[in-house]
C-alpha atoms as a PDB file:
ATOM      1  CA  MET A   1     -77.126-114.219 -81.093  1.00  0.00           C
ATOM      2  CA  ALA A   2     -75.257-113.154 -84.245  1.00  0.00           C
ATOM      3  CA  VAL A   3     -72.235-115.341 -85.126  1.00  0.00           C
ATOM      4  CA  SER A   4     -68.992-114.258 -86.910  1.00  0.00           C
ATOM      5  CA  VAL A   5     -66.900-116.905 -88.494  1.00  0.00           C
ATOM      6  CA  LEU A   6     -63.273-116.360 -88.817  1.00  0.00           C
ATOM      7  CA  SER A   7     -61.612-118.784 -91.376  1.00  0.00           C
ATOM      8  CA  PRO A   8     -57.908-118.883 -92.173  1.00  0.00           C
ATOM      9  CA  PHE A   9     -56.649-119.620 -95.530  1.00  0.00           C
ATOM     10  CA  CYS A  10     -52.999-119.802 -96.970  1.00  0.00           C
ATOM     11  CA  PHE A  11     -52.698-123.062 -99.267  1.00  0.00           C
ATOM     12  CA  GLN A  12     -53.315-122.746-103.077  1.00  0.00           C
ATOM     13  CA  ASP A  13     -54.195-126.399-103.224  1.00  0.00           C
ATOM     14  CA  ASN A  14     -57.068-125.859-100.841  1.00  0.00           C
ATOM     15  CA  LEU A  15     -59.070-123.707-103.012  1.00  0.00           C
ATOM     16  CA  GLY A  16     -61.703-126.323-103.368  1.00  0.00           C
ATOM     17  CA  ASN A  17     -61.854-127.022 -99.637  1.00  0.00           C
ATOM     18  CA  LEU A  18     -62.462-123.337 -98.957  1.00  0.00           C
ATOM     19  CA  GLU A  19     -65.217-123.227-101.535  1.00  0.00           C
ATOM     20  CA  ASN A  20     -66.831-126.310 -99.951  1.00  0.00           C
ATOM     21  CA  CYS A  21     -66.643-124.645 -96.422  1.00  0.00           C
ATOM     22  CA  LEU A  22     -68.129-121.435 -97.428  1.00  0.00           C
ATOM     23  CA  ARG A  23     -71.013-123.219 -99.188  1.00  0.00           C
ATOM     24  CA  ARG A  24     -71.526-125.462 -96.217  1.00  0.00           C
ATOM     25  CA  LEU A  25     -71.629-122.453 -93.826  1.00  0.00           C
ATOM     26  CA  ARG A  26     -74.458-120.910 -95.895  1.00  0.00           C
ATOM     27  CA  GLU A  27     -76.220-124.128 -95.846  1.00  0.00           C
ATOM     28  CA  GLN A  28     -76.293-124.429 -92.055  1.00  0.00           C
ATOM     29  CA  THR A  29     -79.596-124.705 -90.276  1.00  0.00           C
ATOM     30  CA  SER A  30     -78.594-121.531 -88.408  1.00  0.00           C
ATOM     31  CA  PRO A  31     -76.117-119.685 -90.861  1.00  0.00           C
ATOM     32  CA  PRO A  32     -73.529-117.211 -89.553  1.00  0.00           C
ATOM     33  CA  ALA A  33     -74.207-113.479 -89.736  1.00  0.00           C
ATOM     34  CA  GLN A  34     -70.727-112.679 -91.067  1.00  0.00           C
ATOM     35  CA  ILE A  35     -67.903-114.792 -92.627  1.00  0.00           C
ATOM     36  CA  ILE A  36     -64.255-113.423 -92.839  1.00  0.00           C
ATOM     37  CA  VAL A  37     -61.678-115.230 -94.608  1.00  0.00           C
ATOM     38  CA  ALA A  38     -58.000-114.140 -93.399  1.00  0.00           C
ATOM     39  CA  ASP A  39     -56.077-114.727 -96.614  1.00  0.00           C
ATOM     40  CA  ASP A  40     -52.330-114.996 -96.591  1.00  0.00           C
ATOM     41  CA  SER A  41     -51.984-116.989 -99.720  1.00  0.00           C
ATOM     42  CA  PRO A  42     -49.575-115.970-102.655  1.00  0.00           C
ATOM     43  CA  GLU A  43     -50.504-112.994-104.610  1.00  0.00           C
ATOM     44  CA  GLU A  44     -51.462-114.801-107.745  1.00  0.00           C
ATOM     45  CA  VAL A  45     -53.897-116.987-105.427  1.00  0.00           C
ATOM     46  CA  LYS A  46     -55.568-113.919-103.837  1.00  0.00           C
ATOM     47  CA  PRO A  47     -58.043-113.086-106.679  1.00  0.00           C
ATOM     48  CA  SER A  48     -59.547-116.676-106.636  1.00  0.00           C
ATOM     49  CA  VAL A  49     -60.015-116.370-102.951  1.00  0.00           C
ATOM     50  CA  GLU A  50     -61.539-113.054-103.241  1.00  0.00           C
ATOM     51  CA  GLY A  51     -63.824-114.271-105.945  1.00  0.00           C
ATOM     52  CA  LEU A  52     -64.928-117.224-103.720  1.00  0.00           C
ATOM     53  CA  CYS A  53     -65.654-114.691-100.931  1.00  0.00           C
ATOM     54  CA  LYS A  54     -67.767-112.409-103.093  1.00  0.00           C
ATOM     55  CA  GLY A  55     -69.689-115.461-104.381  1.00  0.00           C
ATOM     56  CA  HIS A  56     -70.606-116.512-100.861  1.00  0.00           C
ATOM     57  CA  GLY A  57     -71.024-113.164 -99.148  1.00  0.00           C
ATOM     58  CA  ALA A  58     -67.791-113.428 -97.000  1.00  0.00           C
ATOM     59  CA  VAL A  59     -65.431-110.628 -96.112  1.00  0.00           C
ATOM     60  CA  HIS A  60     -61.931-110.943 -97.798  1.00  0.00           C
ATOM     61  CA  LEU A  61     -59.021-109.911 -95.596  1.00  0.00           C
ATOM     62  CA  PRO A  62     -55.881-110.089 -97.625  1.00  0.00           C
ATOM     63  CA  LEU A  63     -52.661-110.263 -95.613  1.00  0.00           C
ATOM     64  CA  PRO A  64     -48.887-110.685 -96.858  1.00  0.00           C
ATOM     65  CA  PHE A  65     -47.892-114.094 -98.149  1.00  0.00           C
ATOM     66  CA  VAL A  66     -45.659-115.825 -95.717  1.00  0.00           C
ATOM     67  CA  ASP A  67     -44.301-118.794 -97.828  1.00  0.00           C
ATOM     68  CA  TYR A  68     -46.947-121.177 -96.673  1.00  0.00           C
ATOM     69  CA  LYS A  69     -46.276-120.656 -93.023  1.00  0.00           C
ATOM     70  CA  PRO A  70     -49.676-120.124 -91.475  1.00  0.00           C
ATOM     71  CA  GLN A  71     -49.321-117.005 -89.246  1.00  0.00           C
ATOM     72  CA  TRP A  72     -52.384-117.739 -87.103  1.00  0.00           C
ATOM     73  CA  ALA A  73     -51.722-115.130 -84.455  1.00  0.00           C
ATOM     74  CA  ALA A  74     -51.298-112.278 -86.879  1.00  0.00           C
ATOM     75  CA  LYS A  75     -54.234-113.364 -89.007  1.00  0.00           C
ATOM     76  CA  TYR A  76     -56.663-113.554 -86.156  1.00  0.00           C
ATOM     77  CA  ASN A  77     -55.315-110.225 -84.484  1.00  0.00           C
ATOM     78  CA  ARG A  78     -55.951-108.391 -87.725  1.00  0.00           C
ATOM     79  CA  ALA A  79     -59.293-109.950 -88.507  1.00  0.00           C
ATOM     80  CA  PHE A  80     -60.975-109.467 -85.010  1.00  0.00           C
ATOM     81  CA  PRO A  81     -61.563-105.749 -85.378  1.00  0.00           C
ATOM     82  CA  LEU A  82     -63.763-106.594 -88.401  1.00  0.00           C
ATOM     83  CA  VAL A  83     -65.950-108.822 -86.287  1.00  0.00           C
ATOM     84  CA  THR A  84     -69.483-107.765 -85.986  1.00  0.00           C
ATOM     85  CA  GLY A  85     -71.097-110.760 -84.224  1.00  0.00           C
ATOM     86  CA  ASP A  86     -71.799-111.467 -80.477  1.00  0.00           C
ATOM     87  CA  MET A  87     -69.983-114.935 -80.871  1.00  0.00           C
ATOM     88  CA  VAL A  88     -66.883-115.694 -82.855  1.00  0.00           C
ATOM     89  CA  LEU A  89     -66.273-118.959 -84.662  1.00  0.00           C
ATOM     90  CA  ILE A  90     -62.640-119.990 -85.573  1.00  0.00           C
ATOM     91  CA  LEU A  91     -63.000-122.465 -88.373  1.00  0.00           C
ATOM     92  CA  CYS A  92     -60.269-123.914 -90.540  1.00  0.00           C
ATOM     93  CA  SER A  93     -61.313-123.855 -94.223  1.00  0.00           C
ATOM     94  CA  ASN A  94     -60.630-127.554 -94.760  1.00  0.00           C
ATOM     95  CA  TRP A  95     -63.481-128.852 -92.481  1.00  0.00           C
ATOM     96  CA  ILE A  96     -66.775-130.289 -93.924  1.00  0.00           C
ATOM     97  CA  LEU A  97     -69.668-129.417 -91.496  1.00  0.00           C
ATOM     98  CA  GLU A  98     -72.982-131.341 -90.943  1.00  0.00           C
ATOM     99  CA  LYS A  99     -75.812-128.959 -91.358  1.00  0.00           C
ATOM    100  CA  ARG A 100     -76.805-128.494 -87.737  1.00  0.00           C
ATOM    101  CA  TRP A 101     -73.298-128.140 -86.391  1.00  0.00           C
ATOM    102  CA  LEU A 102     -73.239-124.270 -85.962  1.00  0.00           C
ATOM    103  CA  GLU A 103     -76.727-124.354 -84.415  1.00  0.00           C
ATOM    104  CA  GLU A 104     -75.653-126.940 -81.951  1.00  0.00           C
ATOM    105  CA  MET A 105     -72.539-125.009 -80.946  1.00  0.00           C
ATOM    106  CA  VAL A 106     -74.305-121.779 -80.459  1.00  0.00           C
ATOM    107  CA  LYS A 107     -76.919-123.573 -78.212  1.00  0.00           C
ATOM    108  CA  THR A 108     -74.094-124.937 -76.153  1.00  0.00           C
ATOM    109  CA  LEU A 109     -72.295-121.635 -75.833  1.00  0.00           C
ATOM    110  CA  THR A 110     -75.426-119.833 -74.830  1.00  0.00           C
ATOM    111  CA  ALA A 111     -76.253-122.399 -72.313  1.00  0.00           C
ATOM    112  CA  LEU A 112     -72.694-122.101 -70.751  1.00  0.00           C
ATOM    113  CA  GLY A 113     -72.666-118.264 -70.681  1.00  0.00           C
ATOM    114  CA  PRO A 114     -70.080-115.722 -70.840  1.00  0.00           C
ATOM    115  CA  LYS A 115     -66.341-116.795 -70.227  1.00  0.00           C
ATOM    116  CA  SER A 116     -66.852-120.065 -71.933  1.00  0.00           C
ATOM    117  CA  MET A 117     -65.521-121.502 -75.318  1.00  0.00           C
ATOM    118  CA  VAL A 118     -66.761-124.675 -77.119  1.00  0.00           C
ATOM    119  CA  ALA A 119     -64.401-126.666 -79.059  1.00  0.00           C
ATOM    120  CA  GLY A 120     -65.715-129.269 -81.612  1.00  0.00           C
ATOM    121  CA  ASP A 121     -64.383-132.865 -81.094  1.00  0.00           C
ATOM    122  CA  SER A 122     -61.872-133.841 -83.923  1.00  0.00           C
ATOM    123  CA  ALA A 123     -59.376-136.409 -85.132  1.00  0.00           C
ATOM    124  CA  ARG A 124     -57.108-135.223 -82.412  1.00  0.00           C
ATOM    125  CA  LYS A 125     -58.721-137.540 -79.893  1.00  0.00           C
ATOM    126  CA  VAL A 126     -56.839-140.452 -81.271  1.00  0.00           C
ATOM    127  CA  LEU A 127     -53.476-138.617 -81.311  1.00  0.00           C
ATOM    128  CA  LEU A 128     -51.689-141.122 -79.049  1.00  0.00           C
ATOM    129  CA  GLY A 129     -53.168-144.191 -80.299  1.00  0.00           C
ATOM    130  CA  GLY A 130     -56.425-144.340 -78.295  1.00  0.00           C
ATOM    131  CA  ASP A 131     -59.487-142.276 -77.920  1.00  0.00           C
ATOM    132  CA  TRP A 132     -58.732-139.826 -75.088  1.00  0.00           C
ATOM    133  CA  PHE A 133     -62.463-139.120 -74.432  1.00  0.00           C
ATOM    134  CA  ALA A 134     -63.811-142.582 -74.601  1.00  0.00           C
ATOM    135  CA  GLY A 135     -66.587-142.936 -71.973  1.00  0.00           C
ATOM    136  CA  SER A 136     -66.854-139.184 -71.483  1.00  0.00           C
ATOM    137  CA  PRO A 137     -70.174-137.466 -71.686  1.00  0.00           C
ATOM    138  CA  ASP A 138     -71.045-135.268 -74.831  1.00  0.00           C
ATOM    139  CA  LEU A 139     -70.038-132.110 -73.204  1.00  0.00           C
ATOM    140  CA  PHE A 140     -67.126-131.761 -70.727  1.00  0.00           C
ATOM    141  CA  GLN A 141     -64.629-129.341 -69.833  1.00  0.00           C
ATOM    142  CA  ILE A 142     -60.839-129.688 -70.680  1.00  0.00           C
ATOM    143  CA  THR A 143     -57.947-127.822 -68.994  1.00  0.00           C
ATOM    144  CA  ASN A 144     -55.162-128.993 -71.239  1.00  0.00           C
ATOM    145  CA  PRO A 145     -54.112-125.942 -73.556  1.00  0.00           C
ATOM    146  CA  HIS A 146     -52.803-128.557 -76.249  1.00  0.00           C
ATOM    147  CA  LEU A 147     -56.539-129.585 -76.750  1.00  0.00           C
ATOM    148  CA  VAL A 148     -57.825-126.105 -77.396  1.00  0.00           C
ATOM    149  CA  ASP A 149     -56.962-126.388 -81.105  1.00  0.00           C
ATOM    150  CA  GLU A 150     -59.406-129.372 -81.589  1.00  0.00           C
ATOM    151  CA  GLY A 151     -59.105-128.913 -85.491  1.00  0.00           C
ATOM    152  CA  PHE A 152     -59.718-125.187 -85.385  1.00  0.00           C
ATOM    153  CA  MET A 153     -63.573-125.507 -84.547  1.00  0.00           C
ATOM    154  CA  ASN A 154     -63.933-123.119 -81.673  1.00  0.00           C
ATOM    155  CA  LEU A 155     -66.754-120.905 -80.720  1.00  0.00           C
ATOM    156  CA  MET A 156     -66.462-118.094 -77.997  1.00  0.00           C
ATOM    157  CA  TRP A 157     -68.173-114.960 -76.921  1.00  0.00           C
ATOM    158  CA  ALA A 158     -66.659-112.021 -78.680  1.00  0.00           C
ATOM    159  CA  ALA A 159     -66.397-110.124 -75.321  1.00  0.00           C
ATOM    160  CA  ASP A 160     -63.987-112.896 -74.125  1.00  0.00           C
ATOM    161  CA  TRP A 161     -61.590-112.547 -77.018  1.00  0.00           C
ATOM    162  CA  LEU A 162     -57.816-112.196 -76.191  1.00  0.00           C
ATOM    163  CA  PRO A 163     -55.056-110.962 -78.673  1.00  0.00           C
ATOM    164  CA  TRP A 164     -53.028-113.945 -79.749  1.00  0.00           C
ATOM    165  CA  ASP A 165     -49.205-113.794 -79.069  1.00  0.00           C
ATOM    166  CA  GLU A 166     -47.647-113.121 -82.535  1.00  0.00           C
ATOM    167  CA  GLU A 167     -44.217-113.947 -81.062  1.00  0.00           C
ATOM    168  CA  PHE A 168     -45.258-117.713 -81.392  1.00  0.00           C
ATOM    169  CA  ASP A 169     -45.932-117.185 -85.219  1.00  0.00           C
ATOM    170  CA  ARG A 170     -42.256-117.416 -85.800  1.00  0.00           C
ATOM    171  CA  VAL A 171     -41.828-120.954 -84.427  1.00  0.00           C
ATOM    172  CA  GLY A 172     -45.180-122.368 -85.968  1.00  0.00           C
ATOM    173  CA  ALA A 173     -48.967-122.090 -86.084  1.00  0.00           C
ATOM    174  CA  TRP A 174     -49.456-124.941 -83.494  1.00  0.00           C
ATOM    175  CA  HIS A 175     -47.272-123.113 -81.081  1.00  0.00           C
ATOM    176  CA  ALA A 176     -49.531-119.686 -81.351  1.00  0.00           C
ATOM    177  CA  VAL A 177     -52.714-121.999 -80.860  1.00  0.00           C
ATOM    178  CA  VAL A 178     -51.381-123.507 -77.642  1.00  0.00           C
ATOM    179  CA  GLU A 179     -50.174-120.258 -76.368  1.00  0.00           C
ATOM    180  CA  TRP A 180     -53.527-118.671 -77.112  1.00  0.00           C
ATOM    181  CA  GLY A 181     -55.285-121.620 -75.385  1.00  0.00           C
ATOM    182  CA  HIS A 182     -53.084-121.291 -72.333  1.00  0.00           C
ATOM    183  CA  ARG A 183     -53.846-117.370 -72.151  1.00  0.00           C
ATOM    184  CA  LEU A 184     -57.662-117.985 -72.296  1.00  0.00           C
ATOM    185  CA  MET A 185     -57.502-120.367 -69.417  1.00  0.00           C
ATOM    186  CA  GLN A 186     -55.207-117.966 -67.429  1.00  0.00           C
ATOM    187  CA  ASN A 187     -58.029-115.364 -67.926  1.00  0.00           C
ATOM    188  CA  GLU A 188     -60.507-117.827 -66.559  1.00  0.00           C
ATOM    189  CA  VAL A 189     -62.215-118.621 -69.953  1.00  0.00           C
ATOM    190  CA  LYS A 190     -63.549-122.106 -69.516  1.00  0.00           C
ATOM    191  CA  VAL A 191     -63.042-124.551 -72.519  1.00  0.00           C
ATOM    192  CA  TRP A 192     -65.523-127.118 -73.277  1.00  0.00           C
ATOM    193  CA  ILE A 193     -65.687-129.956 -75.826  1.00  0.00           C
ATOM    194  CA  ARG A 194     -68.738-131.271 -77.672  1.00  0.00           C
ATOM    195  CA  ARG A 195     -68.378-134.887 -78.697  1.00  0.00           C
ATOM    196  CA  ASP A 196     -71.725-135.505 -80.438  1.00  0.00           C
ATOM    197  CA  LEU A 197     -71.052-133.068 -83.244  1.00  0.00           C
ATOM    198  CA  HIS A 198     -71.045-134.600 -86.842  1.00  0.00           C
ATOM    199  CA  ALA A 199     -68.309-132.752 -88.709  1.00  0.00           C
ATOM    200  CA  GLU A 200     -66.247-134.758 -91.378  1.00  0.00           C
ATOM    201  CA  HIS A 201     -62.705-133.372 -91.697  1.00  0.00           C
ATOM    202  CA  GLN A 202     -60.704-133.673 -94.890  1.00  0.00           C
ATOM    203  CA  GLU A 203     -57.361-135.330 -94.793  1.00  0.00           C
ATOM    204  CA  ARG A 204     -54.812-134.061 -92.366  1.00  0.00           C
ATOM    205  CA  HIS A 205     -51.181-134.219 -91.708  1.00  0.00           C
ATOM    206  CA  PRO A 206     -49.771-137.684 -90.502  1.00  0.00           C
ATOM    207  CA  ARG A 207     -50.258-138.246 -86.676  1.00  0.00           C
ATOM    208  CA  PRO A 208     -46.578-138.312 -86.036  1.00  0.00           C
ATOM    209  CA  GLU A 209     -46.325-134.701 -87.080  1.00  0.00           C
ATOM    210  CA  TRP A 210     -49.113-133.744 -84.743  1.00  0.00           C
ATOM    211  CA  LEU A 211     -47.300-135.436 -81.904  1.00  0.00           C
ATOM    212  CA  SER A 212     -43.926-133.615 -82.821  1.00  0.00           C
ATOM    213  CA  GLN A 213     -45.831-130.302 -82.842  1.00  0.00           C
ATOM    214  CA  THR A 214     -47.590-130.819 -79.455  1.00  0.00           C
ATOM    215  CA  GLN A 215     -44.300-131.987 -77.869  1.00  0.00           C
ATOM    216  CA  ALA A 216     -42.533-128.847 -79.134  1.00  0.00           C
ATOM    217  CA  SER A 217     -45.211-126.514 -78.007  1.00  0.00           C
ATOM    218  CA  GLU A 218     -44.999-127.989 -74.591  1.00  0.00           C
ATOM    219  CA  GLY A 219     -41.324-127.427 -74.480  1.00  0.00           C
ATOM    220  CA  ILE A 220     -41.875-123.705 -75.475  1.00  0.00           C
ATOM    221  CA  LEU A 221     -44.444-123.347 -72.711  1.00  0.00           C
ATOM    222  CA  ARG A 222     -42.291-125.020 -70.156  1.00  0.00           C
ATOM    223  CA  GLY A 223     -39.516-122.700 -71.281  1.00  0.00           C
ATOM    224  CA  LYS A 224     -41.932-119.700 -70.194  1.00  0.00           C
ATOM    225  CA  GLY A 225     -42.515-121.192 -66.889  1.00  0.00           C
ATOM    226  CA  VAL A 226     -45.887-122.833 -67.716  1.00  0.00           C
ATOM    227  CA  VAL A 227     -46.708-126.241 -66.266  1.00  0.00           C
ATOM    228  CA  VAL A 228     -48.652-128.350 -68.685  1.00  0.00           C
END
């Protein structure tokens, strides 16, 4: 199955991370057929991003600069019409991937079949001071939309794609992700987590910020009548 990768980019300081990510994607045991970098970095940074994309055979999708406020919904909604693959991988550009990671994700999604989405395990499992998934099997289904993010390492069937709610971009990237995850589940897309994937993440924000974002997202969803 052909895999398209959507990778968002917005921060100037992460150019090295983006370059590492693009290189490691090409070094995968099963490389993607297509890579799209949705770029809303400052105008003076975009030529560097475009150069990296050309050097690694990726599609560069320039978007308006939004003052370092990632507009996840807008980026994915504009990138998806460019997708040519049967599967879509949403991959944050500051991840470091072990070489078999994409191959294992594709095997899992193929085995699960349509209306499924696979999320890679991530540092979010220790969000509340303990391992949420301790003792769980390597692959298990989740029903909490807060966990759909999983570090933006998601793979799903292209046919199951749903537009993101761009209204949530105004209140933060995390909220857009949570809303999107909820809508996937409302449309009976099953979300699964792989625990045994070896992906080393680069430095993230402090955990208190993760918790604050999650709580804010929960408040927004509750305000829309969603019980989480």
